[in-house]
Amino acid sequence: MAVRFSASVALEPGEDVAREAAVAGIERVLERAGLSAAEVSLSIVGDAEIHALNREYRGVDRPTDVLSFPLCEPGELAGPFVRPGGRAVNGPPLLLGDVVISLPRARRQARDFGHSLAREMGFLAVHGALHLLGYDHETPEEEARMQAEAEAVLAMLGLGREPGRPRP
């Protein structure tokens, strides 16, 4: 599996651990889904860039914390062209899509929620990757399923939620 990383904003000294948590979070999501040869692009951007993407692709004229851009429909992930391990029949990796995270928003949310930037970046990356796999949070049932999977992945990374500290 591969996570292609890019950043249009600079991480501050000591924030590499947050980037590593985001990459590792996506890798664990793919691993748990049995997509060992899949590829995801992870981009870390500023508020202006994510605002423009949110406006253009979702029609929402404000910045957000994370966006996902799937390259295939969730039903295609189990389709006949995918072999176990997530490799397409003709051999190349399965390109799942893009996850875009606003670093300034992640910093603010980490501070507001009282946890580390690594926890917040890990959460946002996992959340975005789960959207690429077809998870959603439109209903309470979908939200509970998505949240449980996200927390399981974060716990694997040592970034589990502290008891009594729910994430709004």
Protein backbone atom coordinates (compact mmCIF):
# COMPACT_ATOMS: atom_id res chain seq x y z
CA MET A 1 0.00 0.00 0.00
CA ALA A 2 1.15 3.51 -0.61
CA VAL A 3 0.25 6.89 0.72
CA ARG A 4 1.49 9.70 -1.51
CA PHE A 5 2.11 12.74 0.69
CA SER A 6 2.26 16.37 -0.33
CA ALA A 7 1.98 19.64 1.58
CA SER A 8 1.37 23.16 0.35
CA VAL A 9 1.89 24.54 3.87
CA ALA A 10 4.91 24.04 6.10
CA LEU A 11 4.76 21.89 9.17
CA GLU A 12 6.42 23.50 12.16
CA PRO A 13 9.36 21.87 13.93
CA GLY A 14 8.10 18.88 15.90
CA GLU A 15 4.97 18.41 13.76
CA ASP A 16 6.46 15.56 11.73
CA VAL A 17 4.87 13.17 14.20
CA ALA A 18 1.45 14.53 13.15
CA ARG A 19 2.24 13.90 9.48
CA GLU A 20 3.43 10.41 10.36
CA ALA A 21 0.21 9.76 12.34
CA ALA A 22 -1.88 10.81 9.33
CA VAL A 23 0.04 8.55 6.94
CA ALA A 24 -0.02 5.63 9.40
CA GLY A 25 -3.75 6.12 9.96
CA ILE A 26 -4.49 5.77 6.26
CA GLU A 27 -2.19 2.75 6.02
CA ARG A 28 -4.03 1.01 8.90
CA VAL A 29 -7.44 1.74 7.30
CA LEU A 30 -6.26 0.13 4.05
CA GLU A 31 -4.71 -2.77 5.92
CA ARG A 32 -7.93 -3.46 7.87
CA ALA A 33 -9.89 -3.32 4.60
CA GLY A 34 -7.58 -5.88 2.98
CA LEU A 35 -6.36 -3.37 0.40
CA SER A 36 -2.63 -3.89 0.77
CA ALA A 37 -1.82 -2.71 -2.75
CA ALA A 38 -4.09 0.35 -2.77
CA GLU A 39 -2.86 3.92 -3.11
CA VAL A 40 -4.17 7.11 -1.49
CA SER A 41 -2.97 10.67 -1.97
CA LEU A 42 -2.75 12.75 1.24
CA SER A 43 -2.42 16.51 0.90
CA ILE A 44 -1.90 18.95 3.75
CA VAL A 45 -3.11 22.42 2.83
CA GLY A 46 -4.04 25.80 4.30
CA ASP A 47 -7.51 27.12 5.03
CA ALA A 48 -7.74 29.15 1.80
CA GLU A 49 -6.99 26.10 -0.35
CA ILE A 50 -9.44 23.78 1.43
CA HIS A 51 -12.04 26.57 1.37
CA ALA A 52 -11.70 26.80 -2.43
CA LEU A 53 -11.98 23.00 -2.79
CA ASN A 54 -15.00 22.87 -0.49
CA ARG A 55 -16.72 25.64 -2.48
CA GLU A 56 -15.89 24.13 -5.88
CA TYR A 57 -16.67 20.48 -5.19
CA ARG A 58 -19.28 20.57 -2.41
CA GLY A 59 -20.85 23.99 -2.92
CA VAL A 60 -20.02 24.93 0.68
CA ASP A 61 -18.45 28.40 0.91
CA ARG A 62 -16.27 27.95 3.99
CA PRO A 63 -13.15 26.09 5.04
CA THR A 64 -13.44 22.61 6.55
CA ASP A 65 -11.06 20.24 8.27
CA VAL A 66 -10.92 17.30 5.82
CA LEU A 67 -12.19 16.46 2.34
CA SER A 68 -12.18 13.14 0.52
CA PHE A 69 -12.26 12.63 -3.22
CA PRO A 70 -12.87 8.97 -4.08
CA LEU A 71 -11.75 7.70 -7.48
CA CYS A 72 -14.06 4.69 -7.43
CA GLU A 73 -17.45 3.79 -6.04
CA PRO A 74 -17.48 1.69 -2.86
CA GLY A 75 -19.14 -1.20 -4.72
CA GLU A 76 -16.18 -1.30 -7.11
CA LEU A 77 -13.83 -2.14 -4.23
CA ALA A 78 -15.32 -5.63 -4.07
CA GLY A 79 -15.87 -5.90 -7.81
CA PRO A 80 -14.48 -8.65 -10.00
CA PHE A 81 -11.53 -6.54 -11.15
CA VAL A 82 -9.98 -6.45 -7.65
CA ARG A 83 -7.97 -9.40 -6.37
CA PRO A 84 -7.39 -10.05 -2.67
CA GLY A 85 -4.82 -7.57 -1.47
CA GLY A 86 -6.41 -4.70 -3.39
CA ARG A 87 -4.49 -5.15 -6.64
CA ALA A 88 -6.43 -4.75 -9.86
CA VAL A 89 -6.51 -7.77 -12.15
CA ASN A 90 -4.13 -6.14 -14.62
CA GLY A 91 -1.58 -5.51 -11.88
CA PRO A 92 -1.36 -1.82 -10.93
CA PRO A 93 -2.32 -0.61 -7.46
CA LEU A 94 -5.93 0.31 -6.86
CA LEU A 95 -6.08 4.13 -6.79
CA LEU A 96 -8.65 4.93 -4.10
CA GLY A 97 -8.55 8.71 -4.15
CA ASP A 98 -7.40 11.81 -2.30
CA VAL A 99 -7.64 12.98 1.30
CA VAL A 100 -7.05 16.70 1.89
CA ILE A 101 -6.52 18.07 5.42
CA SER A 102 -6.37 21.70 6.53
CA LEU A 103 -3.34 21.99 8.81
CA PRO A 104 -4.44 25.30 10.42
CA ARG A 105 -7.85 23.82 11.22
CA ALA A 106 -6.27 20.62 12.59
CA ARG A 107 -4.07 22.72 14.86
CA ARG A 108 -7.07 24.70 16.17
CA GLN A 109 -9.17 21.58 16.69
CA ALA A 110 -6.37 19.79 18.54
CA ARG A 111 -6.08 22.78 20.87
CA ASP A 112 -9.88 23.09 21.26
CA PHE A 113 -10.34 19.36 21.96
CA GLY A 114 -7.36 19.25 24.32
CA HIS A 115 -5.39 16.57 22.53
CA SER A 116 -2.26 16.35 20.42
CA LEU A 117 -1.93 17.45 16.82
CA ALA A 118 -0.91 13.85 16.04
CA ARG A 119 -4.26 12.62 17.40
CA GLU A 120 -6.18 15.21 15.36
CA MET A 121 -4.27 14.64 12.12
CA GLY A 122 -4.57 10.88 12.61
CA PHE A 123 -8.31 11.22 13.19
CA LEU A 124 -8.84 13.44 10.15
CA ALA A 125 -6.78 11.17 7.88
CA VAL A 126 -8.59 8.05 9.08
CA HIS A 127 -11.95 9.80 8.69
CA GLY A 128 -11.06 10.82 5.14
CA ALA A 129 -9.78 7.34 4.23
CA LEU A 130 -12.95 5.74 5.58
CA HIS A 131 -14.98 8.02 3.29
CA LEU A 132 -12.91 6.71 0.37
CA LEU A 133 -14.03 3.19 1.35
CA GLY A 134 -17.70 4.19 1.40
CA TYR A 135 -18.21 4.94 5.09
CA ASP A 136 -20.50 7.87 5.83
CA HIS A 137 -22.18 9.59 8.77
CA GLU A 138 -25.54 10.68 7.37
CA THR A 139 -27.53 8.53 9.83
CA PRO A 140 -26.84 7.75 13.49
CA GLU A 141 -26.14 4.12 12.56
CA GLU A 142 -23.65 5.10 9.83
CA GLU A 143 -22.00 7.59 12.17
CA ALA A 144 -21.64 4.99 14.95
CA ARG A 145 -20.14 2.45 12.53
CA MET A 146 -17.70 4.99 11.09
CA GLN A 147 -16.72 6.32 14.53
CA ALA A 148 -16.13 2.81 15.88
CA GLU A 149 -13.85 1.95 12.97
CA ALA A 150 -11.96 5.25 13.29
CA GLU A 151 -11.42 4.74 17.02
CA ALA A 152 -10.25 1.15 16.46
CA VAL A 153 -7.64 2.36 13.97
CA LEU A 154 -6.52 5.22 16.22
CA ALA A 155 -6.19 2.84 19.17
CA MET A 156 -3.91 0.65 17.03
CA LEU A 157 -1.70 3.72 16.57
CA GLY A 158 -1.68 4.61 20.26
CA LEU A 159 -3.86 7.65 19.55
CA GLY A 160 -7.04 6.43 21.21
CA ARG A 161 -9.45 8.82 22.81
CA GLU A 162 -9.06 9.45 26.53
CA PRO A 163 -12.06 8.13 28.48
CA GLY A 164 -14.57 10.89 29.11
CA ARG A 165 -13.25 13.10 26.31
CA PRO A 166 -15.68 12.72 23.43
CA ARG A 167 -14.87 14.37 20.14
CA PRO A 168 -17.71 16.75 19.25
